[in-house]
Amino acid sequence: MAGSVWAALANSLPSLTAARALQGPGAPPAWWWAGPWVQDLYQGPQRTRVMAYVGMVMGLCPPLATVIGGQLHVHLTGCLGEFCGDGLGGLRCGWRRGAACR
């Protein structure tokens, strides 16, 4: 969580890179929490299906979130590749200069 807050408030590329590096180790606990819950709640083939679903969700969500976030940025601000470092990844800057970017 700290890495996410830091990344949202990053005002430079090195700061954002460090925050993203801190976010990386935060992903494995999702597997550590999901595995025991599934093993406690399901048995046999149903357990296998649920673990496959959990693995699919954990594998597909990060790339989909990146694509969706990029599309939201482009459609809300009208700018490609803009990074103002205002804590919102250029969103406010895009609103101020939206007409100039389109």
Protein backbone atom coordinates (compact mmCIF):
# COMPACT_ATOMS: atom_id res chain seq x y z
CA MET A 1 0.00 0.00 0.00
CA ALA A 2 2.84 2.39 0.78
CA GLY A 3 4.26 1.84 -2.70
CA SER A 4 0.91 2.73 -4.29
CA VAL A 5 0.59 5.94 -2.31
CA TRP A 6 4.18 6.85 -3.11
CA ALA A 7 3.61 6.13 -6.83
CA ALA A 8 0.48 8.30 -6.85
CA LEU A 9 2.40 11.18 -5.30
CA ALA A 10 5.61 10.75 -7.33
CA ASN A 11 6.85 13.97 -8.86
CA SER A 12 9.77 12.58 -10.85
CA LEU A 13 10.58 9.52 -12.89
CA PRO A 14 13.22 8.18 -10.43
CA SER A 15 10.73 8.54 -7.57
CA LEU A 16 8.03 6.74 -9.59
CA THR A 17 10.48 3.97 -10.50
CA ALA A 18 11.43 3.47 -6.85
CA ALA A 19 7.76 3.40 -5.83
CA ARG A 20 6.96 0.82 -8.50
CA ALA A 21 9.90 -1.28 -7.28
CA LEU A 22 8.40 -1.14 -3.79
CA GLN A 23 5.02 -2.24 -5.17
CA GLY A 24 6.51 -5.40 -6.72
CA PRO A 25 6.97 -7.36 -3.48
CA GLY A 26 3.37 -6.55 -2.55
CA ALA A 27 1.95 -8.95 -5.16
CA PRO A 28 2.96 -12.34 -3.65
CA PRO A 29 0.87 -11.93 -0.47
CA ALA A 30 -2.25 -12.21 -2.64
CA TRP A 31 -1.20 -15.77 -3.53
CA TRP A 32 -0.30 -16.51 0.07
CA TRP A 33 -3.76 -15.43 1.22
CA ALA A 34 -5.75 -16.99 -1.62
CA GLY A 35 -4.16 -20.43 -1.45
CA PRO A 36 -5.06 -21.32 2.15
CA TRP A 37 -8.58 -19.90 1.78
CA VAL A 38 -9.26 -21.99 -1.31
CA GLN A 39 -7.80 -25.10 0.34
CA ASP A 40 -9.99 -24.59 3.40
CA LEU A 41 -13.19 -23.88 1.48
CA TYR A 42 -13.04 -26.29 -1.48
CA GLN A 43 -12.21 -29.96 -2.07
CA GLY A 44 -11.24 -32.06 -5.09
CA PRO A 45 -11.93 -30.85 -8.63
CA GLN A 46 -13.76 -27.76 -7.39
CA ARG A 47 -10.58 -26.65 -5.57
CA THR A 48 -8.63 -27.05 -8.81
CA ARG A 49 -11.16 -24.94 -10.74
CA VAL A 50 -11.16 -22.19 -8.11
CA MET A 51 -7.33 -22.08 -7.96
CA ALA A 52 -7.22 -21.90 -11.77
CA TYR A 53 -9.69 -19.00 -11.67
CA VAL A 54 -7.66 -17.21 -8.98
CA GLY A 55 -4.48 -17.68 -11.03
CA MET A 56 -6.20 -16.38 -14.16
CA VAL A 57 -7.47 -13.29 -12.36
CA MET A 58 -4.07 -12.56 -10.81
CA GLY A 59 -2.42 -13.01 -14.19
CA LEU A 60 -4.84 -10.92 -16.23
CA CYS A 61 -5.61 -8.02 -13.90
CA PRO A 62 -2.21 -6.24 -13.94
CA PRO A 63 -1.95 -5.97 -17.75
CA LEU A 64 -5.64 -5.09 -18.11
CA ALA A 65 -5.37 -2.41 -15.43
CA THR A 66 -2.42 -0.88 -17.29
CA VAL A 67 -4.34 -0.77 -20.58
CA ILE A 68 -7.50 0.60 -18.95
CA GLY A 69 -5.52 3.25 -17.05
CA GLY A 70 -3.73 4.34 -20.20
CA GLN A 71 -6.98 4.60 -22.12
CA LEU A 72 -8.60 6.60 -19.31
CA HIS A 73 -5.64 8.98 -19.30
CA VAL A 74 -5.79 9.51 -23.06
CA HIS A 75 -9.56 9.95 -23.17
CA LEU A 76 -9.82 12.17 -20.09
CA THR A 77 -6.89 14.44 -20.89
CA GLY A 78 -6.51 14.08 -24.64
CA CYS A 79 -2.73 13.77 -24.23
CA LEU A 80 -0.33 10.94 -24.93
CA GLY A 81 2.75 10.44 -22.78
CA GLU A 82 2.22 13.44 -20.53
CA PHE A 83 3.66 13.33 -17.01
CA CYS A 84 3.39 16.52 -15.00
CA GLY A 85 4.39 15.04 -11.64
CA ASP A 86 1.48 16.58 -9.80
CA GLY A 87 0.56 13.39 -7.94
CA LEU A 88 -2.13 12.41 -10.41
CA GLY A 89 0.17 11.42 -13.24
CA GLY A 90 -0.61 14.49 -15.32
CA LEU A 91 -4.40 14.39 -14.97
CA ARG A 92 -4.73 17.93 -13.66
CA CYS A 93 -2.18 19.22 -16.15
CA GLY A 94 -4.15 17.58 -18.93
CA TRP A 95 -7.36 19.26 -17.83
CA ARG A 96 -5.64 22.67 -17.75
CA ARG A 97 -4.04 22.23 -21.16
CA GLY A 98 -6.51 19.74 -22.64
CA ALA A 99 -7.34 21.86 -25.68
CA ALA A 100 -3.66 22.32 -26.54
CA CYS A 101 -3.02 18.56 -26.42
CA ARG A 102 -5.85 17.49 -28.71
